[in-house]
Amino acid sequence: MILDSKNIKYEAIDITEPGKEEEKDFMQTNSKNNGGTIDNQNPKYPLPPQLFNDTDYCGDYEAFDLANEIDTLEQFLKLAPADTTNVSSTQIELKKDTTDNAATPSSGEKEAAVEGEANKENNHENQEV
């Protein structure tokens, strides 16, 4: 349900079905957490469900549930966020140049600032008289 609500495509594999021995062996071989229970803290083989992204091990159900609770499910499932954008070094340089130009006034802007200060002083002198 959680994966459906987040529109994450997945394949549920029931390792108890006949003909799924290869998938069961894969799960038992590649799982790193045994998923212990109250009755059996250290089971001989990992207990389902175990989650994988293709062949990359993600974790057991407890880790999945925690990732969902703390809103890190995409990282847990090793999915790239949809809004990630690659920025090229050219774009960074252009942005830097634009920022540098905005911070440094042009010679015309400097002259206007000097004239503005002069006008302020003249207005101030005129008010005192």
N, C-alpha and C. Protein backbone atom coordinates (compact mmCIF):
# COMPACT_ATOMS: atom_id res chain seq x y z
N MET A 1 0.80 -1.19 0.00
CA MET A 1 0.00 0.00 0.00
C MET A 1 0.85 1.26 0.00
N ILE A 2 1.91 1.28 0.77
CA ILE A 2 2.75 2.46 0.85
C ILE A 2 3.38 2.75 -0.50
N LEU A 3 3.93 1.71 -1.14
CA LEU A 3 4.56 1.90 -2.44
C LEU A 3 3.54 2.34 -3.49
N ASP A 4 2.34 1.78 -3.44
CA ASP A 4 1.29 2.18 -4.37
C ASP A 4 0.93 3.65 -4.18
N SER A 5 0.80 4.08 -2.94
CA SER A 5 0.41 5.46 -2.68
C SER A 5 1.47 6.45 -3.14
N LYS A 6 2.72 6.01 -3.22
CA LYS A 6 3.81 6.88 -3.68
C LYS A 6 4.14 6.65 -5.14
N ASN A 7 3.31 5.85 -5.82
CA ASN A 7 3.50 5.54 -7.24
C ASN A 7 4.87 4.95 -7.54
N ILE A 8 5.34 4.08 -6.65
CA ILE A 8 6.61 3.39 -6.85
C ILE A 8 6.30 1.99 -7.39
N LYS A 9 6.87 1.70 -8.55
CA LYS A 9 6.63 0.39 -9.15
C LYS A 9 7.46 -0.66 -8.42
N TYR A 10 6.86 -1.82 -8.23
CA TYR A 10 7.55 -2.89 -7.51
C TYR A 10 7.01 -4.23 -7.98
N GLU A 11 7.76 -5.27 -7.62
CA GLU A 11 7.32 -6.63 -7.88
C GLU A 11 7.39 -7.38 -6.56
N ALA A 12 6.26 -7.87 -6.10
CA ALA A 12 6.22 -8.68 -4.89
C ALA A 12 6.46 -10.13 -5.28
N ILE A 13 7.42 -10.75 -4.63
CA ILE A 13 7.75 -12.15 -4.93
C ILE A 13 7.45 -12.98 -3.71
N ASP A 14 6.57 -13.94 -3.88
CA ASP A 14 6.21 -14.85 -2.79
C ASP A 14 7.14 -16.05 -2.87
N ILE A 15 8.13 -16.10 -1.98
CA ILE A 15 9.13 -17.17 -2.04
C ILE A 15 8.59 -18.51 -1.56
N THR A 16 7.35 -18.54 -1.06
CA THR A 16 6.76 -19.81 -0.64
C THR A 16 6.06 -20.53 -1.79
N GLU A 17 5.88 -19.85 -2.92
CA GLU A 17 5.23 -20.47 -4.07
C GLU A 17 6.16 -21.50 -4.71
N PRO A 18 5.58 -22.57 -5.25
CA PRO A 18 6.40 -23.55 -5.98
C PRO A 18 7.09 -22.87 -7.17
N GLY A 19 8.34 -23.23 -7.41
CA GLY A 19 9.10 -22.66 -8.52
C GLY A 19 9.84 -21.39 -8.17
N LYS A 20 9.75 -20.93 -6.93
CA LYS A 20 10.43 -19.69 -6.52
C LYS A 20 11.66 -19.98 -5.66
N GLU A 21 12.22 -21.18 -5.82
CA GLU A 21 13.38 -21.56 -5.01
C GLU A 21 14.59 -20.67 -5.31
N GLU A 22 14.77 -20.28 -6.58
CA GLU A 22 15.90 -19.43 -6.94
C GLU A 22 15.78 -18.06 -6.27
N GLU A 23 14.57 -17.48 -6.24
CA GLU A 23 14.34 -16.21 -5.58
C GLU A 23 14.54 -16.32 -4.08
N LYS A 24 14.11 -17.45 -3.51
CA LYS A 24 14.30 -17.69 -2.07
C LYS A 24 15.78 -17.77 -1.74
N ASP A 25 16.55 -18.49 -2.54
CA ASP A 25 17.99 -18.59 -2.32
C ASP A 25 18.66 -17.22 -2.45
N PHE A 26 18.22 -16.43 -3.44
CA PHE A 26 18.77 -15.09 -3.62
C PHE A 26 18.53 -14.24 -2.38
N MET A 27 17.29 -14.27 -1.87
CA MET A 27 16.95 -13.49 -0.69
C MET A 27 17.79 -13.93 0.51
N GLN A 28 17.91 -15.23 0.72
CA GLN A 28 18.65 -15.72 1.88
C GLN A 28 20.15 -15.44 1.76
N THR A 29 20.66 -15.45 0.57
CA THR A 29 22.09 -15.23 0.35
C THR A 29 22.45 -13.75 0.44
N ASN A 30 21.59 -12.86 -0.07
CA ASN A 30 21.93 -11.45 -0.21
C ASN A 30 21.37 -10.54 0.87
N SER A 31 20.51 -11.05 1.72
CA SER A 31 19.98 -10.22 2.81
C SER A 31 21.03 -10.09 3.89
N LYS A 32 21.14 -8.89 4.44
CA LYS A 32 22.14 -8.64 5.48
C LYS A 32 21.54 -8.61 6.86
N ASN A 33 20.22 -8.46 6.95
CA ASN A 33 19.53 -8.41 8.22
C ASN A 33 18.62 -9.62 8.30
N ASN A 34 18.72 -10.36 9.37
CA ASN A 34 17.92 -11.58 9.48
C ASN A 34 16.48 -11.34 9.90
N GLY A 35 16.14 -10.14 10.32
CA GLY A 35 14.76 -9.84 10.67
C GLY A 35 14.24 -10.71 11.80
N GLY A 36 14.93 -10.72 12.91
CA GLY A 36 14.53 -11.54 14.05
C GLY A 36 13.16 -11.19 14.59
N THR A 37 12.55 -12.14 15.27
CA THR A 37 11.24 -11.94 15.89
C THR A 37 11.39 -12.08 17.40
N ILE A 38 10.30 -11.87 18.11
CA ILE A 38 10.34 -12.01 19.57
C ILE A 38 10.67 -13.46 19.94
N ASP A 39 10.08 -14.39 19.22
CA ASP A 39 10.32 -15.81 19.51
C ASP A 39 11.71 -16.27 19.10
N ASN A 40 12.23 -15.68 18.02
CA ASN A 40 13.52 -16.12 17.51
C ASN A 40 14.34 -14.88 17.13
N GLN A 41 15.19 -14.44 18.05
CA GLN A 41 15.97 -13.22 17.84
C GLN A 41 17.02 -13.36 16.73
N ASN A 42 17.55 -14.55 16.56
CA ASN A 42 18.60 -14.79 15.56
C ASN A 42 18.25 -15.99 14.69
N PRO A 43 17.35 -15.78 13.73
CA PRO A 43 16.99 -16.91 12.86
C PRO A 43 18.15 -17.34 11.98
N LYS A 44 18.12 -18.60 11.57
CA LYS A 44 19.17 -19.16 10.74
C LYS A 44 19.22 -18.46 9.38
N TYR A 45 18.05 -18.16 8.83
CA TYR A 45 17.96 -17.49 7.53
C TYR A 45 17.16 -16.19 7.69
N PRO A 46 17.41 -15.25 6.82
CA PRO A 46 16.64 -13.99 6.87
C PRO A 46 15.15 -14.26 6.67
N LEU A 47 14.34 -13.56 7.43
CA LEU A 47 12.90 -13.73 7.32
C LEU A 47 12.32 -12.69 6.36
N PRO A 48 11.37 -13.10 5.56
CA PRO A 48 10.71 -12.12 4.68
C PRO A 48 9.82 -11.21 5.49
N PRO A 49 9.51 -10.03 5.04
CA PRO A 49 9.95 -9.49 3.75
C PRO A 49 11.32 -8.84 3.84
N GLN A 50 12.07 -9.00 2.78
CA GLN A 50 13.34 -8.31 2.59
C GLN A 50 13.19 -7.50 1.30
N LEU A 51 13.70 -6.30 1.27
CA LEU A 51 13.50 -5.44 0.12
C LEU A 51 14.80 -5.24 -0.66
N PHE A 52 14.65 -5.31 -1.97
CA PHE A 52 15.78 -5.15 -2.89
C PHE A 52 15.39 -4.16 -3.98
N ASN A 53 16.36 -3.44 -4.49
CA ASN A 53 16.20 -2.65 -5.71
C ASN A 53 17.04 -3.38 -6.74
N ASP A 54 16.39 -4.14 -7.60
CA ASP A 54 17.04 -5.10 -8.50
C ASP A 54 17.84 -6.07 -7.62
N THR A 55 19.17 -6.00 -7.69
CA THR A 55 19.97 -6.91 -6.86
C THR A 55 20.59 -6.19 -5.66
N ASP A 56 20.33 -4.90 -5.51
CA ASP A 56 20.86 -4.13 -4.38
C ASP A 56 19.97 -4.31 -3.17
N TYR A 57 20.56 -4.77 -2.06
CA TYR A 57 19.81 -4.97 -0.83
C TYR A 57 19.48 -3.62 -0.20
N CYS A 58 18.21 -3.43 0.15
CA CYS A 58 17.77 -2.19 0.79
C CYS A 58 17.59 -2.38 2.29
N GLY A 59 16.93 -3.46 2.70
CA GLY A 59 16.72 -3.70 4.12
C GLY A 59 15.50 -4.56 4.35
N ASP A 60 15.19 -4.76 5.64
CA ASP A 60 14.02 -5.56 6.00
C ASP A 60 12.82 -4.64 6.22
N TYR A 61 11.71 -5.24 6.65
CA TYR A 61 10.48 -4.46 6.79
C TYR A 61 10.61 -3.38 7.87
N GLU A 62 11.29 -3.68 8.97
CA GLU A 62 11.43 -2.69 10.03
C GLU A 62 12.17 -1.45 9.54
N ALA A 63 13.23 -1.65 8.76
CA ALA A 63 13.98 -0.53 8.20
C ALA A 63 13.12 0.23 7.19
N PHE A 64 12.34 -0.50 6.40
CA PHE A 64 11.42 0.11 5.44
C PHE A 64 10.41 0.99 6.16
N ASP A 65 9.82 0.46 7.21
CA ASP A 65 8.81 1.19 7.98
C ASP A 65 9.41 2.45 8.60
N LEU A 66 10.60 2.35 9.14
CA LEU A 66 11.27 3.51 9.73
C LEU A 66 11.57 4.56 8.66
N ALA A 67 12.06 4.13 7.50
CA ALA A 67 12.35 5.07 6.41
C ALA A 67 11.08 5.79 5.97
N ASN A 68 9.97 5.09 5.96
CA ASN A 68 8.70 5.72 5.60
C ASN A 68 8.30 6.74 6.67
N GLU A 69 8.47 6.40 7.93
CA GLU A 69 8.09 7.30 9.02
C GLU A 69 8.92 8.58 9.04
N ILE A 70 10.21 8.48 8.72
CA ILE A 70 11.07 9.66 8.77
C ILE A 70 11.26 10.29 7.39
N ASP A 71 10.43 9.86 6.44
CA ASP A 71 10.38 10.45 5.09
C ASP A 71 11.69 10.34 4.33
N THR A 72 12.33 9.16 4.43
CA THR A 72 13.56 8.90 3.67
C THR A 72 13.41 7.63 2.84
N LEU A 73 12.18 7.35 2.44
CA LEU A 73 11.89 6.10 1.73
C LEU A 73 12.62 6.01 0.40
N GLU A 74 12.71 7.10 -0.35
CA GLU A 74 13.39 7.08 -1.64
C GLU A 74 14.86 6.73 -1.48
N GLN A 75 15.51 7.27 -0.45
CA GLN A 75 16.91 6.95 -0.20
C GLN A 75 17.05 5.48 0.23
N PHE A 76 16.13 5.03 1.08
CA PHE A 76 16.16 3.64 1.55
C PHE A 76 16.05 2.69 0.37
N LEU A 77 15.15 2.99 -0.57
CA LEU A 77 14.93 2.12 -1.73
C LEU A 77 15.95 2.36 -2.84
N LYS A 78 16.87 3.27 -2.60
CA LYS A 78 17.94 3.60 -3.55
C LYS A 78 17.36 4.08 -4.88
N LEU A 79 16.37 4.97 -4.76
CA LEU A 79 15.75 5.58 -5.92
C LEU A 79 16.27 7.00 -6.07
N ALA A 80 16.49 7.43 -7.28
CA ALA A 80 16.91 8.81 -7.53
C ALA A 80 15.69 9.71 -7.40
N PRO A 81 15.80 10.80 -6.65
CA PRO A 81 14.66 11.72 -6.55
C PRO A 81 14.29 12.26 -7.93
N ALA A 82 13.02 12.43 -8.18
CA ALA A 82 12.53 12.85 -9.49
C ALA A 82 12.93 14.27 -9.83
N ASP A 83 13.12 15.13 -8.82
CA ASP A 83 13.40 16.53 -9.10
C ASP A 83 14.89 16.86 -9.10
N THR A 84 15.75 15.86 -9.17
CA THR A 84 17.18 16.12 -9.21
C THR A 84 17.56 16.65 -10.58
N THR A 85 18.29 17.76 -10.61
CA THR A 85 18.72 18.34 -11.87
C THR A 85 20.24 18.43 -11.86
N ASN A 86 20.83 18.04 -12.96
CA ASN A 86 22.27 18.17 -13.08
C ASN A 86 22.58 19.56 -13.60
N VAL A 87 23.50 20.23 -12.95
CA VAL A 87 23.91 21.56 -13.36
C VAL A 87 25.33 21.46 -13.89
N SER A 88 25.53 21.93 -15.11
CA SER A 88 26.86 21.85 -15.71
C SER A 88 27.75 22.95 -15.15
N SER A 89 29.06 22.77 -15.31
CA SER A 89 30.00 23.78 -14.82
C SER A 89 29.81 25.08 -15.59
N THR A 90 29.39 25.02 -16.85
CA THR A 90 29.14 26.23 -17.62
C THR A 90 28.02 27.03 -16.98
N GLN A 91 26.95 26.36 -16.55
CA GLN A 91 25.84 27.06 -15.90
C GLN A 91 26.30 27.69 -14.59
N ILE A 92 27.14 27.02 -13.86
CA ILE A 92 27.64 27.56 -12.60
C ILE A 92 28.50 28.79 -12.87
N GLU A 93 29.37 28.73 -13.89
CA GLU A 93 30.21 29.87 -14.22
C GLU A 93 29.36 31.05 -14.67
N LEU A 94 28.33 30.79 -15.49
CA LEU A 94 27.45 31.87 -15.92
C LEU A 94 26.76 32.52 -14.73
N LYS A 95 26.29 31.71 -13.81
CA LYS A 95 25.63 32.25 -12.63
C LYS A 95 26.62 33.07 -11.81
N LYS A 96 27.83 32.56 -11.68
CA LYS A 96 28.85 33.27 -10.92
C LYS A 96 29.16 34.61 -11.58
N ASP A 97 29.32 34.62 -12.92
CA ASP A 97 29.60 35.86 -13.62
C ASP A 97 28.45 36.85 -13.44
N THR A 98 27.23 36.38 -13.51
CA THR A 98 26.07 37.24 -13.33
C THR A 98 26.06 37.83 -11.93
N THR A 99 26.36 37.01 -10.95
CA THR A 99 26.39 37.47 -9.56
C THR A 99 27.50 38.49 -9.37
N ASP A 100 28.68 38.22 -9.94
CA ASP A 100 29.80 39.15 -9.81
C ASP A 100 29.46 40.49 -10.44
N ASN A 101 28.82 40.47 -11.61
CA ASN A 101 28.45 41.71 -12.29
C ASN A 101 27.41 42.48 -11.49
N ALA A 102 26.50 41.81 -10.86
CA ALA A 102 25.47 42.48 -10.08
C ALA A 102 26.06 43.14 -8.84
N ALA A 103 27.10 42.55 -8.28
CA ALA A 103 27.70 43.08 -7.06
C ALA A 103 28.63 44.26 -7.34
N THR A 104 29.19 44.31 -8.56
CA THR A 104 30.13 45.37 -8.90
C THR A 104 29.43 46.39 -9.78
N PRO A 105 29.26 47.63 -9.32
CA PRO A 105 28.57 48.63 -10.14
C PRO A 105 29.41 49.03 -11.33
N SER A 106 28.75 49.33 -12.44
CA SER A 106 29.45 49.78 -13.63
C SER A 106 29.93 51.21 -13.41
N SER A 107 30.76 51.72 -14.33
CA SER A 107 31.28 53.09 -14.17
C SER A 107 30.14 54.10 -14.23
N GLY A 108 29.11 53.83 -15.07
CA GLY A 108 27.95 54.72 -15.15
C GLY A 108 27.19 54.75 -13.84
N GLU A 109 27.06 53.57 -13.19
CA GLU A 109 26.36 53.51 -11.90
C GLU A 109 27.15 54.26 -10.84
N LYS A 110 28.49 54.17 -10.91
CA LYS A 110 29.32 54.88 -9.94
C LYS A 110 29.14 56.39 -10.09
N GLU A 111 29.12 56.87 -11.36
CA GLU A 111 28.95 58.30 -11.60
C GLU A 111 27.59 58.78 -11.10
N ALA A 112 26.55 57.99 -11.34
CA ALA A 112 25.21 58.36 -10.89
C ALA A 112 25.16 58.44 -9.37
N ALA A 113 25.85 57.53 -8.70
CA ALA A 113 25.88 57.53 -7.25
C ALA A 113 26.58 58.77 -6.72
N VAL A 114 27.68 59.16 -7.38
CA VAL A 114 28.42 60.36 -6.97
C VAL A 114 27.56 61.60 -7.18
N GLU A 115 26.87 61.68 -8.33
CA GLU A 115 25.99 62.82 -8.60
C GLU A 115 24.86 62.88 -7.57
N GLY A 116 24.33 61.70 -7.21
CA GLY A 116 23.26 61.66 -6.22
C GLY A 116 23.72 62.19 -4.88
N GLU A 117 24.92 61.86 -4.48
CA GLU A 117 25.47 62.34 -3.21
C GLU A 117 25.67 63.85 -3.27
N ALA A 118 26.15 64.33 -4.41
CA ALA A 118 26.35 65.77 -4.55
C ALA A 118 25.02 66.50 -4.47
N ASN A 119 23.98 65.96 -5.09
CA ASN A 119 22.67 66.60 -5.04
C ASN A 119 22.13 66.61 -3.61
N LYS A 120 22.37 65.54 -2.85
CA LYS A 120 21.92 65.49 -1.45
C LYS A 120 22.58 66.60 -0.64
N GLU A 121 23.91 66.78 -0.86
CA GLU A 121 24.64 67.81 -0.12
C GLU A 121 24.11 69.20 -0.48
N ASN A 122 23.87 69.46 -1.77
CA ASN A 122 23.36 70.75 -2.21
C ASN A 122 21.98 71.02 -1.61
N ASN A 123 21.12 69.99 -1.60
CA ASN A 123 19.78 70.15 -1.02
C ASN A 123 19.87 70.43 0.47
N HIS A 124 20.81 69.77 1.16
CA HIS A 124 20.98 69.96 2.59
C HIS A 124 21.45 71.38 2.87
N GLU A 125 22.40 71.89 2.06
CA GLU A 125 22.90 73.26 2.24
C GLU A 125 21.79 74.26 1.99
N ASN A 126 20.95 73.99 0.96
CA ASN A 126 19.85 74.91 0.64
C ASN A 126 18.83 74.95 1.76
N GLN A 127 18.62 73.86 2.46
CA GLN A 127 17.64 73.83 3.54
C GLN A 127 18.12 74.61 4.74
N GLU A 128 19.44 74.64 4.99
CA GLU A 128 19.98 75.33 6.15
C GLU A 128 19.91 76.85 5.96
N VAL A 129 19.92 77.34 4.77
CA VAL A 129 19.96 78.78 4.52
C VAL A 129 18.64 79.43 4.73
